[in-house]
């Protein structure tokens, strides 16, 4: 897993799969998750948008098909990517 340390970014695209974020702050960024491992410590996400793509997006669409997922969490996007917002 790649360590990303001491980053302070605004308005960028961040791929979170296979990353460990340490002492970072992301503001109004787009976080893209496709289903891989990730972790963070002492890291904040302020008004970031989540995009679930690939296998993660398909999993959300599957759960949505059975009404097992709150749209408030998962967002409104259609497949293949689902989106939501982190506050």
PDB file of N, CA and C in Angstrom:
ATOM      1  N   UNK A   1       0.846  -1.169   0.000  1.00  0.00           N
ATOM      2  CA  UNK A   1       0.000   0.000   0.000  1.00  0.00           C
ATOM      3  C   UNK A   1       0.896   1.239   0.000  1.00  0.00           C
ATOM      4  N   UNK A   2       0.587   2.179  -0.851  1.00  0.00           N
ATOM      5  CA  UNK A   2       1.369   3.421  -0.956  1.00  0.00           C
ATOM      6  C   UNK A   2       0.966   4.385   0.159  1.00  0.00           C
ATOM      7  N   UNK A   3       1.946   5.008   0.814  1.00  0.00           N
ATOM      8  CA  UNK A   3       1.676   6.007   1.844  1.00  0.00           C
ATOM      9  C   UNK A   3       1.718   7.399   1.230  1.00  0.00           C
ATOM     10  N   UNK A   4       0.641   8.149   1.458  1.00  0.00           N
ATOM     11  CA  UNK A   4       0.554   9.549   1.043  1.00  0.00           C
ATOM     12  C   UNK A   4       0.569  10.352   2.329  1.00  0.00           C
ATOM     13  N   UNK A   5       1.572  11.202   2.498  1.00  0.00           N
ATOM     14  CA  UNK A   5       1.776  11.867   3.779  1.00  0.00           C
ATOM     15  C   UNK A   5       1.850  13.379   3.621  1.00  0.00           C
ATOM     16  N   UNK A   6       1.228  14.097   4.595  1.00  0.00           N
ATOM     17  CA  UNK A   6       1.314  15.550   4.713  1.00  0.00           C
ATOM     18  C   UNK A   6       0.847  16.289   3.455  1.00  0.00           C
ATOM     19  N   UNK A   7      -0.218  15.803   2.833  1.00  0.00           N
ATOM     20  CA  UNK A   7      -0.783  16.477   1.654  1.00  0.00           C
ATOM     21  C   UNK A   7      -1.914  17.395   2.093  1.00  0.00           C
ATOM     22  N   UNK A   8      -1.978  18.559   1.491  1.00  0.00           N
ATOM     23  CA  UNK A   8      -3.059  19.512   1.705  1.00  0.00           C
ATOM     24  C   UNK A   8      -3.493  19.962   0.322  1.00  0.00           C
ATOM     25  N   UNK A   9      -4.602  19.391  -0.174  1.00  0.00           N
ATOM     26  CA  UNK A   9      -5.015  19.649  -1.548  1.00  0.00           C
ATOM     27  C   UNK A   9      -6.436  20.157  -1.596  1.00  0.00           C
ATOM     28  N   UNK A  10      -6.701  20.981  -2.597  1.00  0.00           N
ATOM     29  CA  UNK A  10      -8.034  21.520  -2.826  1.00  0.00           C
ATOM     30  C   UNK A  10      -8.387  21.347  -4.289  1.00  0.00           C
ATOM     31  N   UNK A  11      -9.574  20.796  -4.538  1.00  0.00           N
ATOM     32  CA  UNK A  11     -10.100  20.707  -5.889  1.00  0.00           C
ATOM     33  C   UNK A  11      -9.402  19.732  -6.814  1.00  0.00           C
ATOM     34  N   UNK A  12      -8.783  18.699  -6.271  1.00  0.00           N
ATOM     35  CA  UNK A  12      -8.085  17.729  -7.109  1.00  0.00           C
ATOM     36  C   UNK A  12      -8.822  16.394  -7.102  1.00  0.00           C
ATOM     37  N   UNK A  13      -8.432  15.511  -7.988  1.00  0.00           N
ATOM     38  CA  UNK A  13      -8.972  14.156  -8.042  1.00  0.00           C
ATOM     39  C   UNK A  13      -8.003  13.239  -7.308  1.00  0.00           C
ATOM     40  N   UNK A  14      -8.538  12.474  -6.356  1.00  0.00           N
ATOM     41  CA  UNK A  14      -7.721  11.594  -5.531  1.00  0.00           C
ATOM     42  C   UNK A  14      -8.222  10.159  -5.713  1.00  0.00           C
ATOM     43  N   UNK A  15      -7.372   9.273  -6.187  1.00  0.00           N
ATOM     44  CA  UNK A  15      -7.696   7.844  -6.267  1.00  0.00           C
ATOM     45  C   UNK A  15      -7.288   7.231  -4.941  1.00  0.00           C
ATOM     46  N   UNK A  16      -8.254   6.668  -4.204  1.00  0.00           N
ATOM     47  CA  UNK A  16      -7.948   6.218  -2.842  1.00  0.00           C
ATOM     48  C   UNK A  16      -7.582   4.741  -2.730  1.00  0.00           C
ATOM     49  N   UNK A  17      -7.784   3.970  -3.786  1.00  0.00           N
ATOM     50  CA  UNK A  17      -7.455   2.544  -3.728  1.00  0.00           C
ATOM     51  C   UNK A  17      -5.966   2.331  -3.479  1.00  0.00           C
ATOM     52  N   UNK A  18      -5.673   1.377  -2.600  1.00  0.00           N
ATOM     53  CA  UNK A  18      -4.297   0.964  -2.303  1.00  0.00           C
ATOM     54  C   UNK A  18      -3.425   2.104  -1.777  1.00  0.00           C
ATOM     55  N   UNK A  19      -4.069   3.018  -1.021  1.00  0.00           N
ATOM     56  CA  UNK A  19      -3.343   4.150  -0.447  1.00  0.00           C
ATOM     57  C   UNK A  19      -3.590   4.215   1.055  1.00  0.00           C
ATOM     58  N   UNK A  20      -2.572   4.656   1.781  1.00  0.00           N
ATOM     59  CA  UNK A  20      -2.683   4.978   3.202  1.00  0.00           C
ATOM     60  C   UNK A  20      -2.380   6.461   3.323  1.00  0.00           C
ATOM     61  N   UNK A  21      -3.375   7.241   3.752  1.00  0.00           N
ATOM     62  CA  UNK A  21      -3.235   8.688   3.880  1.00  0.00           C
ATOM     63  C   UNK A  21      -2.900   9.020   5.327  1.00  0.00           C
ATOM     64  N   UNK A  22      -1.825   9.756   5.526  1.00  0.00           N
ATOM     65  CA  UNK A  22      -1.347  10.106   6.857  1.00  0.00           C
ATOM     66  C   UNK A  22      -1.149  11.616   6.940  1.00  0.00           C
ATOM     67  N   UNK A  23      -1.835  12.251   7.901  1.00  0.00           N
ATOM     68  CA  UNK A  23      -1.694  13.695   8.135  1.00  0.00           C
ATOM     69  C   UNK A  23      -2.013  14.521   6.881  1.00  0.00           C
ATOM     70  N   UNK A  24      -3.147  14.225   6.259  1.00  0.00           N
ATOM     71  CA  UNK A  24      -3.539  14.925   5.031  1.00  0.00           C
ATOM     72  C   UNK A  24      -4.838  15.689   5.238  1.00  0.00           C
ATOM     73  N   UNK A  25      -5.074  16.675   4.386  1.00  0.00           N
ATOM     74  CA  UNK A  25      -6.368  17.355   4.334  1.00  0.00           C
ATOM     75  C   UNK A  25      -6.737  17.546   2.876  1.00  0.00           C
ATOM     76  N   UNK A  26      -7.954  17.119   2.539  1.00  0.00           N
ATOM     77  CA  UNK A  26      -8.473  17.253   1.189  1.00  0.00           C
ATOM     78  C   UNK A  26      -9.755  18.068   1.258  1.00  0.00           C
ATOM     79  N   UNK A  27      -9.813  19.144   0.489  1.00  0.00           N
ATOM     80  CA  UNK A  27     -10.961  20.040   0.490  1.00  0.00           C
ATOM     81  C   UNK A  27     -11.539  20.132  -0.913  1.00  0.00           C
ATOM     82  N   UNK A  28     -12.857  19.896  -1.013  1.00  0.00           N
ATOM     83  CA  UNK A  28     -13.573  19.962  -2.291  1.00  0.00           C
ATOM     84  C   UNK A  28     -12.880  19.139  -3.380  1.00  0.00           C
ATOM     85  N   UNK A  29     -12.389  17.976  -3.003  1.00  0.00           N
ATOM     86  CA  UNK A  29     -11.744  17.061  -3.945  1.00  0.00           C
ATOM     87  C   UNK A  29     -12.739  15.992  -4.374  1.00  0.00           C
ATOM     88  N   UNK A  30     -12.436  15.322  -5.464  1.00  0.00           N
ATOM     89  CA  UNK A  30     -13.203  14.156  -5.877  1.00  0.00           C
ATOM     90  C   UNK A  30     -12.406  12.924  -5.489  1.00  0.00           C
ATOM     91  N   UNK A  31     -12.996  12.076  -4.661  1.00  0.00           N
ATOM     92  CA  UNK A  31     -12.357  10.854  -4.213  1.00  0.00           C
ATOM     93  C   UNK A  31     -12.909   9.703  -5.039  1.00  0.00           C
ATOM     94  N   UNK A  32     -12.042   9.013  -5.756  1.00  0.00           N
ATOM     95  CA  UNK A  32     -12.469   7.912  -6.604  1.00  0.00           C
ATOM     96  C   UNK A  32     -12.081   6.598  -5.942  1.00  0.00           C
ATOM     97  N   UNK A  33     -13.089   5.729  -5.771  1.00  0.00           N
ATOM     98  CA  UNK A  33     -12.885   4.434  -5.130  1.00  0.00           C
ATOM     99  C   UNK A  33     -13.410   3.339  -6.050  1.00  0.00           C
ATOM    100  N   UNK A  34     -12.564   2.322  -6.325  1.00  0.00           N
ATOM    101  CA  UNK A  34     -12.976   1.237  -7.211  1.00  0.00           C
ATOM    102  C   UNK A  34     -13.060  -0.115  -6.504  1.00  0.00           C
ATOM    103  N   UNK A  35     -12.793  -0.160  -5.211  1.00  0.00           N
ATOM    104  CA  UNK A  35     -12.968  -1.405  -4.473  1.00  0.00           C
ATOM    105  C   UNK A  35     -11.713  -1.945  -3.802  1.00  0.00           C
ATOM    106  N   UNK A  36     -10.588  -1.265  -3.916  1.00  0.00           N
ATOM    107  CA  UNK A  36      -9.344  -1.741  -3.308  1.00  0.00           C
ATOM    108  C   UNK A  36      -9.225  -1.358  -1.842  1.00  0.00           C
ATOM    109  N   UNK A  37      -8.150  -1.816  -1.210  1.00  0.00           N
ATOM    110  CA  UNK A  37      -7.879  -1.464   0.182  1.00  0.00           C
ATOM    111  C   UNK A  37      -7.496   0.003   0.293  1.00  0.00           C
ATOM    112  N   UNK A  38      -7.780   0.591   1.448  1.00  0.00           N
ATOM    113  CA  UNK A  38      -7.383   1.959   1.741  1.00  0.00           C
ATOM    114  C   UNK A  38      -7.391   2.145   3.254  1.00  0.00           C
ATOM    115  N   UNK A  39      -6.716   3.190   3.715  1.00  0.00           N
ATOM    116  CA  UNK A  39      -6.733   3.539   5.135  1.00  0.00           C
ATOM    117  C   UNK A  39      -6.306   4.989   5.273  1.00  0.00           C
ATOM    118  N   UNK A  40      -6.646   5.596   6.407  1.00  0.00           N
ATOM    119  CA  UNK A  40      -6.138   6.925   6.706  1.00  0.00           C
ATOM    120  C   UNK A  40      -6.050   7.120   8.205  1.00  0.00           C
ATOM    121  N   UNK A  41      -5.156   7.997   8.589  1.00  0.00           N
ATOM    122  CA  UNK A  41      -4.977   8.393   9.982  1.00  0.00           C
ATOM    123  C   UNK A  41      -4.690   9.876  10.005  1.00  0.00           C
ATOM    124  N   UNK A  42      -5.364  10.575  10.907  1.00  0.00           N
ATOM    125  CA  UNK A  42      -5.197  12.022  11.049  1.00  0.00           C
ATOM    126  C   UNK A  42      -5.367  12.717   9.694  1.00  0.00           C
ATOM    127  N   UNK A  43      -6.416  12.355   8.980  1.00  0.00           N
ATOM    128  CA  UNK A  43      -6.692  12.897   7.657  1.00  0.00           C
ATOM    129  C   UNK A  43      -8.131  13.364   7.618  1.00  0.00           C
ATOM    130  N   UNK A  44      -8.378  14.516   6.986  1.00  0.00           N
ATOM    131  CA  UNK A  44      -9.739  15.032   6.895  1.00  0.00           C
ATOM    132  C   UNK A  44     -10.145  15.241   5.443  1.00  0.00           C
ATOM    133  N   UNK A  45     -11.446  15.091   5.214  1.00  0.00           N
ATOM    134  CA  UNK A  45     -12.049  15.284   3.900  1.00  0.00           C
ATOM    135  C   UNK A  45     -13.169  16.301   4.088  1.00  0.00           C
ATOM    136  N   UNK A  46     -13.025  17.474   3.493  1.00  0.00           N
ATOM    137  CA  UNK A  46     -13.976  18.561   3.678  1.00  0.00           C
ATOM    138  C   UNK A  46     -14.705  18.812   2.369  1.00  0.00           C
ATOM    139  N   UNK A  47     -16.022  18.610   2.387  1.00  0.00           N
ATOM    140  CA  UNK A  47     -16.861  18.841   1.212  1.00  0.00           C
ATOM    141  C   UNK A  47     -16.342  18.115  -0.027  1.00  0.00           C
ATOM    142  N   UNK A  48     -15.900  16.891   0.151  1.00  0.00           N
ATOM    143  CA  UNK A  48     -15.385  16.096  -0.960  1.00  0.00           C
ATOM    144  C   UNK A  48     -16.505  15.278  -1.599  1.00  0.00           C
ATOM    145  N   UNK A  49     -16.378  15.024  -2.869  1.00  0.00           N
ATOM    146  CA  UNK A  49     -17.325  14.215  -3.623  1.00  0.00           C
ATOM    147  C   UNK A  49     -16.743  12.811  -3.751  1.00  0.00           C
ATOM    148  N   UNK A  50     -17.584  11.803  -3.514  1.00  0.00           N
ATOM    149  CA  UNK A  50     -17.169  10.417  -3.671  1.00  0.00           C
ATOM    150  C   UNK A  50     -17.654   9.886  -5.006  1.00  0.00           C
ATOM    151  N   UNK A  51     -16.775   9.210  -5.718  1.00  0.00           N
ATOM    152  CA  UNK A  51     -17.162   8.506  -6.928  1.00  0.00           C
ATOM    153  C   UNK A  51     -16.791   7.054  -6.762  1.00  0.00           C
ATOM    154  N   UNK A  52     -17.797   6.184  -6.868  1.00  0.00           N
ATOM    155  CA  UNK A  52     -17.601   4.742  -6.773  1.00  0.00           C
ATOM    156  C   UNK A  52     -17.628   4.213  -8.197  1.00  0.00           C
ATOM    157  N   UNK A  53     -16.493   3.720  -8.669  1.00  0.00           N
ATOM    158  CA  UNK A  53     -16.361   3.298 -10.050  1.00  0.00           C
ATOM    159  C   UNK A  53     -16.009   1.808 -10.099  1.00  0.00           C
ATOM    160  N   UNK A  54     -16.095   1.220 -11.267  1.00  0.00           N
ATOM    161  CA  UNK A  54     -15.715  -0.183 -11.437  1.00  0.00           C
ATOM    162  C   UNK A  54     -16.507  -1.085 -10.510  1.00  0.00           C
ATOM    163  N   UNK A  55     -15.839  -2.063  -9.874  1.00  0.00           N
ATOM    164  CA  UNK A  55     -16.535  -3.002  -8.990  1.00  0.00           C
ATOM    165  C   UNK A  55     -17.288  -2.315  -7.844  1.00  0.00           C
ATOM    166  N   UNK A  56     -16.748  -1.241  -7.295  1.00  0.00           N
ATOM    167  CA  UNK A  56     -17.429  -0.537  -6.200  1.00  0.00           C
ATOM    168  C   UNK A  56     -18.725   0.094  -6.701  1.00  0.00           C
ATOM    169  N   UNK A  57     -18.704   0.679  -7.879  1.00  0.00           N
ATOM    170  CA  UNK A  57     -19.908   1.267  -8.451  1.00  0.00           C
ATOM    171  C   UNK A  57     -20.955   0.223  -8.766  1.00  0.00           C
ATOM    172  N   UNK A  58     -20.518  -0.919  -9.287  1.00  0.00           N
ATOM    173  CA  UNK A  58     -21.456  -2.002  -9.579  1.00  0.00           C
ATOM    174  C   UNK A  58     -22.074  -2.561  -8.296  1.00  0.00           C
ATOM    175  N   UNK A  59     -21.294  -2.623  -7.215  1.00  0.00           N
ATOM    176  CA  UNK A  59     -21.833  -3.085  -5.937  1.00  0.00           C
ATOM    177  C   UNK A  59     -22.909  -2.129  -5.437  1.00  0.00           C
ATOM    178  N   UNK A  60     -22.668  -0.831  -5.523  1.00  0.00           N
ATOM    179  CA  UNK A  60     -23.683   0.135  -5.096  1.00  0.00           C
ATOM    180  C   UNK A  60     -24.943   0.012  -5.939  1.00  0.00           C
ATOM    181  N   UNK A  61     -24.791  -0.162  -7.236  1.00  0.00           N
ATOM    182  CA  UNK A  61     -25.954  -0.305  -8.104  1.00  0.00           C
ATOM    183  C   UNK A  61     -26.737  -1.571  -7.760  1.00  0.00           C
ATOM    184  N   UNK A  62     -26.046  -2.647  -7.417  1.00  0.00           N
ATOM    185  CA  UNK A  62     -26.701  -3.886  -6.997  1.00  0.00           C
ATOM    186  C   UNK A  62     -27.509  -3.648  -5.719  1.00  0.00           C
ATOM    187  N   UNK A  63     -26.883  -3.015  -4.717  1.00  0.00           N
ATOM    188  CA  UNK A  63     -27.578  -2.734  -3.459  1.00  0.00           C
ATOM    189  C   UNK A  63     -28.764  -1.807  -3.689  1.00  0.00           C
ATOM    190  N   UNK A  64     -28.597  -0.829  -4.560  1.00  0.00           N
ATOM    191  CA  UNK A  64     -29.664   0.114  -4.886  1.00  0.00           C
ATOM    192  C   UNK A  64     -30.851  -0.610  -5.540  1.00  0.00           C
ATOM    193  N   UNK A  65     -30.580  -1.611  -6.366  1.00  0.00           N
ATOM    194  CA  UNK A  65     -31.640  -2.352  -7.047  1.00  0.00           C
ATOM    195  C   UNK A  65     -32.564  -3.060  -6.055  1.00  0.00           C
ATOM    196  N   UNK A  66     -32.068  -3.394  -4.882  1.00  0.00           N
ATOM    197  CA  UNK A  66     -32.863  -4.044  -3.852  1.00  0.00           C
ATOM    198  C   UNK A  66     -33.262  -3.076  -2.733  1.00  0.00           C
ATOM    199  N   UNK A  67     -33.112  -1.778  -2.988  1.00  0.00           N
ATOM    200  CA  UNK A  67     -33.450  -0.735  -2.001  1.00  0.00           C
ATOM    201  C   UNK A  67     -32.738  -0.956  -0.670  1.00  0.00           C
ATOM    202  N   UNK A  68     -31.486  -1.389  -0.730  1.00  0.00           N
ATOM    203  CA  UNK A  68     -30.703  -1.649   0.475  1.00  0.00           C
ATOM    204  C   UNK A  68     -29.709  -0.531   0.788  1.00  0.00           C
ATOM    205  N   UNK A  69     -29.806   0.569   0.061  1.00  0.00           N
ATOM    206  CA  UNK A  69     -28.838   1.652   0.223  1.00  0.00           C
ATOM    207  C   UNK A  69     -29.569   2.973   0.237  1.00  0.00           C
ATOM    208  N   UNK A  70     -29.278   3.799   1.221  1.00  0.00           N
ATOM    209  CA  UNK A  70     -29.880   5.123   1.280  1.00  0.00           C
ATOM    210  C   UNK A  70     -29.267   6.000   0.192  1.00  0.00           C
ATOM    211  N   UNK A  71     -30.095   6.646  -0.585  1.00  0.00           N
ATOM    212  CA  UNK A  71     -29.597   7.521  -1.654  1.00  0.00           C
ATOM    213  C   UNK A  71     -28.804   8.696  -1.097  1.00  0.00           C
ATOM    214  N   UNK A  72     -29.110   9.140   0.111  1.00  0.00           N
ATOM    215  CA  UNK A  72     -28.371  10.224   0.735  1.00  0.00           C
ATOM    216  C   UNK A  72     -26.888   9.882   0.841  1.00  0.00           C
ATOM    217  N   UNK A  73     -26.580   8.630   1.077  1.00  0.00           N
ATOM    218  CA  UNK A  73     -25.198   8.181   1.199  1.00  0.00           C
ATOM    219  C   UNK A  73     -24.604   7.889  -0.162  1.00  0.00           C
ATOM    220  N   UNK A  74     -25.366   7.249  -1.024  1.00  0.00           N
ATOM    221  CA  UNK A  74     -24.826   6.751  -2.279  1.00  0.00           C
ATOM    222  C   UNK A  74     -24.880   7.738  -3.418  1.00  0.00           C
ATOM    223  N   UNK A  75     -25.666   8.802  -3.316  1.00  0.00           N
ATOM    224  CA  UNK A  75     -25.766   9.755  -4.409  1.00  0.00           C
ATOM    225  C   UNK A  75     -26.831   9.347  -5.399  1.00  0.00           C
ATOM    226  N   UNK A  76     -26.907  10.056  -6.505  1.00  0.00           N
ATOM    227  CA  UNK A  76     -27.965   9.862  -7.479  1.00  0.00           C
ATOM    228  C   UNK A  76     -27.455   9.375  -8.823  1.00  0.00           C
ATOM    229  N   UNK A  77     -26.163   9.174  -8.990  1.00  0.00           N
ATOM    230  CA  UNK A  77     -25.615   8.863 -10.315  1.00  0.00           C
ATOM    231  C   UNK A  77     -25.994   7.474 -10.773  1.00  0.00           C
ATOM    232  N   UNK A  78     -26.108   7.339 -12.076  1.00  0.00           N
ATOM    233  CA  UNK A  78     -26.396   6.035 -12.684  1.00  0.00           C
ATOM    234  C   UNK A  78     -25.100   5.279 -12.899  1.00  0.00           C
ATOM    235  N   UNK A  79     -25.233   3.999 -13.266  1.00  0.00           N
ATOM    236  CA  UNK A  79     -24.037   3.199 -13.495  1.00  0.00           C
ATOM    237  C   UNK A  79     -23.270   3.732 -14.695  1.00  0.00           C
ATOM    238  N   UNK A  80     -21.945   3.451 -14.826  1.00  0.00           N
ATOM    239  CA  UNK A  80     -21.217   2.539 -13.969  1.00  0.00           C
ATOM    240  C   UNK A  80     -20.708   3.172 -12.684  1.00  0.00           C
ATOM    241  N   UNK A  81     -20.666   4.484 -12.575  1.00  0.00           N
ATOM    242  CA  UNK A  81     -20.137   5.113 -11.361  1.00  0.00           C
ATOM    243  C   UNK A  81     -21.274   5.662 -10.526  1.00  0.00           C
ATOM    244  N   UNK A  82     -21.174   5.516  -9.217  1.00  0.00           N
ATOM    245  CA  UNK A  82     -22.131   6.120  -8.299  1.00  0.00           C
ATOM    246  C   UNK A  82     -21.388   7.189  -7.523  1.00  0.00           C
ATOM    247  N   UNK A  83     -22.070   8.246  -7.134  1.00  0.00           N
ATOM    248  CA  UNK A  83     -21.398   9.334  -6.434  1.00  0.00           C
ATOM    249  C   UNK A  83     -22.149   9.709  -5.168  1.00  0.00           C
ATOM    250  N   UNK A  84     -21.453  10.373  -4.272  1.00  0.00           N
ATOM    251  CA  UNK A  84     -22.027  10.906  -3.048  1.00  0.00           C
ATOM    252  C   UNK A  84     -21.106  11.995  -2.543  1.00  0.00           C
ATOM    253  N   UNK A  85     -21.466  12.630  -1.439  1.00  0.00           N
ATOM    254  CA  UNK A  85     -20.659  13.723  -0.914  1.00  0.00           C
ATOM    255  C   UNK A  85     -20.254  13.439   0.528  1.00  0.00           C
ATOM    256  N   UNK A  86     -19.008  13.718   0.852  1.00  0.00           N
ATOM    257  CA  UNK A  86     -18.509  13.602   2.222  1.00  0.00           C
ATOM    258  C   UNK A  86     -18.484  14.995   2.817  1.00  0.00           C
ATOM    259  N   UNK A  87     -19.090  15.166   3.997  1.00  0.00           N
ATOM    260  CA  UNK A  87     -19.113  16.488   4.645  1.00  0.00           C
ATOM    261  C   UNK A  87     -18.168  16.518   5.810  1.00  0.00           C
TER     262      UNK A  87
END
